[in-house]
Amino acid sequence: MDGCAYERPDMFKSKQYRAEAAKYGERVKGSTDLDEGRKLQELQDRLVSLADNEQRLADDYHDAVHVIGPDQSRGAALASEEERVLRCLGAAVILQWNALPTTLQREIFDTAGSVGKLLETAELRGQIARFLHKHKNDANGNEH
């Protein structure tokens, strides 16, 4: 677009995470149980982190793909280069998957499963889970 304010569809998910985080923030304030309050705070922090990640991904995608004018071919080249980098990083993560701490594995899985369209999240998470299960021994050089 020409710089006018508009809401991209990829922004919706970030707003949803922030709205949920705000709800948990209110629950934290009203909690009298310290353990419950800590758990609610952790959930709120996680939702804020997901919202920030979604925002960064949306901004990076927009910057890489939505170039205006004569630089459009440059934008396509940057998007292609970025896609290659992301593929290499993804492959490196998979190769080291079994060596990662379980909490980090869960964090990466949750973040990866939240990338994309909200209505496709469950399907994406299932695809990621099947892929990880299929390739769980690749890093060790074992058979599937």
C-alpha atoms as a PDB file:
ATOM      1  CA  MET A   1       0.000   0.000   0.000  1.00  0.00           C
ATOM      2  CA  ASP A   2       1.018   3.638  -0.150  1.00  0.00           C
ATOM      3  CA  GLY A   3       1.810   4.066   3.525  1.00  0.00           C
ATOM      4  CA  CYS A   4      -1.776   4.601   4.625  1.00  0.00           C
ATOM      5  CA  ALA A   5      -2.851   3.006   7.873  1.00  0.00           C
ATOM      6  CA  TYR A   6      -4.442  -0.374   7.455  1.00  0.00           C
ATOM      7  CA  GLU A   7      -4.619  -3.488   9.544  1.00  0.00           C
ATOM      8  CA  ARG A   8      -2.872  -6.465   8.038  1.00  0.00           C
ATOM      9  CA  PRO A   9      -4.487  -9.863   8.668  1.00  0.00           C
ATOM     10  CA  ASP A  10      -1.241 -11.103  10.248  1.00  0.00           C
ATOM     11  CA  MET A  11      -1.598  -8.449  12.962  1.00  0.00           C
ATOM     12  CA  PHE A  12      -4.803  -9.996  14.285  1.00  0.00           C
ATOM     13  CA  LYS A  13      -3.030 -12.849  16.045  1.00  0.00           C
ATOM     14  CA  SER A  14      -0.685 -10.530  17.893  1.00  0.00           C
ATOM     15  CA  LYS A  15      -3.669  -8.515  19.131  1.00  0.00           C
ATOM     16  CA  GLN A  16      -5.406 -11.690  20.284  1.00  0.00           C
ATOM     17  CA  TYR A  17      -2.356 -12.746  22.295  1.00  0.00           C
ATOM     18  CA  ARG A  18      -2.149  -9.286  23.859  1.00  0.00           C
ATOM     19  CA  ALA A  19      -5.846  -9.345  24.750  1.00  0.00           C
ATOM     20  CA  GLU A  20      -5.458 -12.745  26.414  1.00  0.00           C
ATOM     21  CA  ALA A  21      -2.349 -11.525  28.237  1.00  0.00           C
ATOM     22  CA  ALA A  22      -4.332  -8.569  29.576  1.00  0.00           C
ATOM     23  CA  LYS A  23      -6.988 -10.968  30.889  1.00  0.00           C
ATOM     24  CA  TYR A  24      -4.329 -12.973  32.717  1.00  0.00           C
ATOM     25  CA  GLY A  25      -2.874  -9.725  34.060  1.00  0.00           C
ATOM     26  CA  GLU A  26      -6.223  -8.910  35.644  1.00  0.00           C
ATOM     27  CA  ARG A  27      -6.418 -12.412  37.097  1.00  0.00           C
ATOM     28  CA  VAL A  28      -2.915 -11.996  38.559  1.00  0.00           C
ATOM     29  CA  LYS A  29      -4.016  -8.805  40.312  1.00  0.00           C
ATOM     30  CA  GLY A  30      -7.045 -10.571  41.795  1.00  0.00           C
ATOM     31  CA  SER A  31      -5.212 -13.711  42.867  1.00  0.00           C
ATOM     32  CA  THR A  32      -4.627 -14.271  46.576  1.00  0.00           C
ATOM     33  CA  ASP A  33      -2.868 -17.620  46.168  1.00  0.00           C
ATOM     34  CA  LEU A  34       0.875 -17.069  45.586  1.00  0.00           C
ATOM     35  CA  ASP A  35       1.316 -20.272  43.574  1.00  0.00           C
ATOM     36  CA  GLU A  36      -1.700 -19.505  41.406  1.00  0.00           C
ATOM     37  CA  GLY A  37      -0.481 -15.929  40.954  1.00  0.00           C
ATOM     38  CA  ARG A  38       2.933 -17.153  39.828  1.00  0.00           C
ATOM     39  CA  LYS A  39       1.381 -19.547  37.310  1.00  0.00           C
ATOM     40  CA  LEU A  40      -0.942 -16.856  35.979  1.00  0.00           C
ATOM     41  CA  GLN A  41       2.007 -14.461  35.662  1.00  0.00           C
ATOM     42  CA  GLU A  42       3.962 -17.101  33.718  1.00  0.00           C
ATOM     43  CA  LEU A  43       1.006 -17.563  31.364  1.00  0.00           C
ATOM     44  CA  GLN A  44       0.692 -13.811  30.909  1.00  0.00           C
ATOM     45  CA  ASP A  45       4.425 -13.509  30.173  1.00  0.00           C
ATOM     46  CA  ARG A  46       4.183 -16.360  27.661  1.00  0.00           C
ATOM     47  CA  LEU A  47       1.284 -14.684  25.858  1.00  0.00           C
ATOM     48  CA  VAL A  48       3.145 -11.367  25.724  1.00  0.00           C
ATOM     49  CA  SER A  49       6.168 -13.197  24.316  1.00  0.00           C
ATOM     50  CA  LEU A  50       4.004 -14.864  21.650  1.00  0.00           C
ATOM     51  CA  ALA A  51       2.457 -11.495  20.765  1.00  0.00           C
ATOM     52  CA  ASP A  52       5.920  -9.940  20.446  1.00  0.00           C
ATOM     53  CA  ASN A  53       7.102 -12.841  18.267  1.00  0.00           C
ATOM     54  CA  GLU A  54       4.052 -12.559  16.019  1.00  0.00           C
ATOM     55  CA  GLN A  55       4.595  -8.820  15.703  1.00  0.00           C
ATOM     56  CA  ARG A  56       8.284  -9.266  14.811  1.00  0.00           C
ATOM     57  CA  LEU A  57       7.503 -11.981  12.272  1.00  0.00           C
ATOM     58  CA  ALA A  58       4.770  -9.886  10.694  1.00  0.00           C
ATOM     59  CA  ASP A  59       7.009  -6.816  10.533  1.00  0.00           C
ATOM     60  CA  ASP A  60       9.964  -8.766   9.131  1.00  0.00           C
ATOM     61  CA  TYR A  61       7.768 -10.448   6.538  1.00  0.00           C
ATOM     62  CA  HIS A  62       6.222  -7.149   5.564  1.00  0.00           C
ATOM     63  CA  ASP A  63       9.638  -5.483   5.277  1.00  0.00           C
ATOM     64  CA  ALA A  64      11.088  -8.330   3.191  1.00  0.00           C
ATOM     65  CA  VAL A  65       8.184  -8.851   0.820  1.00  0.00           C
ATOM     66  CA  HIS A  66       6.361  -5.545   0.511  1.00  0.00           C
ATOM     67  CA  VAL A  67       8.829  -3.314  -1.284  1.00  0.00           C
ATOM     68  CA  ILE A  68       7.371  -0.490  -3.369  1.00  0.00           C
ATOM     69  CA  GLY A  69       8.468   0.723  -6.781  1.00  0.00           C
ATOM     70  CA  PRO A  70      11.630  -0.208  -8.678  1.00  0.00           C
ATOM     71  CA  ASP A  71      13.009  -2.066  -5.675  1.00  0.00           C
ATOM     72  CA  GLN A  72      10.355  -4.797  -5.993  1.00  0.00           C
ATOM     73  CA  SER A  73      12.793  -7.217  -7.650  1.00  0.00           C
ATOM     74  CA  ARG A  74      15.270  -6.442  -4.861  1.00  0.00           C
ATOM     75  CA  GLY A  75      12.499  -7.230  -2.347  1.00  0.00           C
ATOM     76  CA  ALA A  76      11.821 -10.561  -4.026  1.00  0.00           C
ATOM     77  CA  ALA A  77      15.542 -11.368  -3.920  1.00  0.00           C
ATOM     78  CA  LEU A  78      15.666 -10.460  -0.230  1.00  0.00           C
ATOM     79  CA  ALA A  79      12.606 -12.622   0.462  1.00  0.00           C
ATOM     80  CA  SER A  80      14.207 -15.524  -1.391  1.00  0.00           C
ATOM     81  CA  GLU A  81      17.457 -15.063   0.522  1.00  0.00           C
ATOM     82  CA  GLU A  82      15.583 -14.841   3.801  1.00  0.00           C
ATOM     83  CA  GLU A  83      13.634 -17.998   2.990  1.00  0.00           C
ATOM     84  CA  ARG A  84      16.928 -19.818   2.336  1.00  0.00           C
ATOM     85  CA  VAL A  85      18.366 -18.574   5.640  1.00  0.00           C
ATOM     86  CA  LEU A  86      15.237 -19.672   7.504  1.00  0.00           C
ATOM     87  CA  ARG A  87      15.395 -23.114   5.886  1.00  0.00           C
ATOM     88  CA  CYS A  88      19.047 -23.508   6.912  1.00  0.00           C
ATOM     89  CA  LEU A  89      18.311 -22.361  10.457  1.00  0.00           C
ATOM     90  CA  GLY A  90      15.353 -24.727  10.643  1.00  0.00           C
ATOM     91  CA  ALA A  91      17.471 -27.626   9.441  1.00  0.00           C
ATOM     92  CA  ALA A  92      20.153 -26.785  12.004  1.00  0.00           C
ATOM     93  CA  VAL A  93      17.558 -26.763  14.784  1.00  0.00           C
ATOM     94  CA  ILE A  94      16.232 -30.171  13.679  1.00  0.00           C
ATOM     95  CA  LEU A  95      19.750 -31.607  13.567  1.00  0.00           C
ATOM     96  CA  GLN A  96      20.323 -30.461  17.159  1.00  0.00           C
ATOM     97  CA  TRP A  97      16.762 -31.130  18.382  1.00  0.00           C
ATOM     98  CA  ASN A  98      17.565 -34.067  20.668  1.00  0.00           C
ATOM     99  CA  ALA A  99      20.379 -32.116  22.327  1.00  0.00           C
ATOM    100  CA  LEU A 100      18.089 -29.193  23.199  1.00  0.00           C
ATOM    101  CA  PRO A 101      16.580 -29.006  26.690  1.00  0.00           C
ATOM    102  CA  THR A 102      12.940 -30.096  26.769  1.00  0.00           C
ATOM    103  CA  THR A 103      11.781 -26.638  27.838  1.00  0.00           C
ATOM    104  CA  LEU A 104      13.510 -25.096  24.814  1.00  0.00           C
ATOM    105  CA  GLN A 105      12.021 -27.772  22.546  1.00  0.00           C
ATOM    106  CA  ARG A 106       8.548 -26.871  23.848  1.00  0.00           C
ATOM    107  CA  GLU A 107       9.220 -23.163  23.404  1.00  0.00           C
ATOM    108  CA  ILE A 108      10.381 -23.646  19.810  1.00  0.00           C
ATOM    109  CA  PHE A 109       7.431 -25.947  19.074  1.00  0.00           C
ATOM    110  CA  ASP A 110       4.943 -23.456  20.538  1.00  0.00           C
ATOM    111  CA  THR A 111       6.448 -20.558  18.640  1.00  0.00           C
ATOM    112  CA  ALA A 112       6.620 -22.468  15.357  1.00  0.00           C
ATOM    113  CA  GLY A 113       3.079 -23.731  15.848  1.00  0.00           C
ATOM    114  CA  SER A 114       1.792 -20.197  16.272  1.00  0.00           C
ATOM    115  CA  VAL A 115       3.297 -18.851  13.050  1.00  0.00           C
ATOM    116  CA  GLY A 116       0.807 -18.387  10.260  1.00  0.00           C
ATOM    117  CA  LYS A 117      -2.932 -17.999  10.103  1.00  0.00           C
ATOM    118  CA  LEU A 118      -4.846 -18.460  13.330  1.00  0.00           C
ATOM    119  CA  LEU A 119      -7.373 -20.885  11.831  1.00  0.00           C
ATOM    120  CA  GLU A 120      -4.553 -23.143  10.589  1.00  0.00           C
ATOM    121  CA  THR A 121      -2.646 -23.263  13.903  1.00  0.00           C
ATOM    122  CA  ALA A 122      -3.934 -26.687  15.007  1.00  0.00           C
ATOM    123  CA  GLU A 123      -3.175 -28.206  11.611  1.00  0.00           C
ATOM    124  CA  LEU A 124       0.303 -26.652  11.574  1.00  0.00           C
ATOM    125  CA  ARG A 125       1.063 -27.881  15.100  1.00  0.00           C
ATOM    126  CA  GLY A 126       0.019 -31.397  14.041  1.00  0.00           C
ATOM    127  CA  GLN A 127       2.263 -31.252  10.979  1.00  0.00           C
ATOM    128  CA  ILE A 128       5.199 -30.044  13.073  1.00  0.00           C
ATOM    129  CA  ALA A 129       4.608 -32.755  15.692  1.00  0.00           C
ATOM    130  CA  ARG A 130       4.476 -35.472  13.003  1.00  0.00           C
ATOM    131  CA  PHE A 131       7.637 -34.106  11.380  1.00  0.00           C
ATOM    132  CA  LEU A 132       9.518 -34.021  14.686  1.00  0.00           C
ATOM    133  CA  HIS A 133       8.370 -37.535  15.538  1.00  0.00           C
ATOM    134  CA  LYS A 134       9.391 -38.823  12.107  1.00  0.00           C
ATOM    135  CA  HIS A 135      12.838 -37.212  12.356  1.00  0.00           C
ATOM    136  CA  LYS A 136      13.440 -37.544  16.091  1.00  0.00           C
ATOM    137  CA  ASN A 137      16.475 -39.788  15.664  1.00  0.00           C
ATOM    138  CA  ASP A 138      18.027 -38.036  12.655  1.00  0.00           C
ATOM    139  CA  ALA A 139      20.463 -36.073  14.823  1.00  0.00           C
ATOM    140  CA  ASN A 140      21.778 -39.294  16.309  1.00  0.00           C
ATOM    141  CA  GLY A 141      22.141 -40.973  12.932  1.00  0.00           C
ATOM    142  CA  ASN A 142      19.670 -43.678  13.919  1.00  0.00           C
ATOM    143  CA  GLU A 143      17.025 -45.206  11.722  1.00  0.00           C
ATOM    144  CA  HIS A 144      13.436 -43.942  11.910  1.00  0.00           C
END
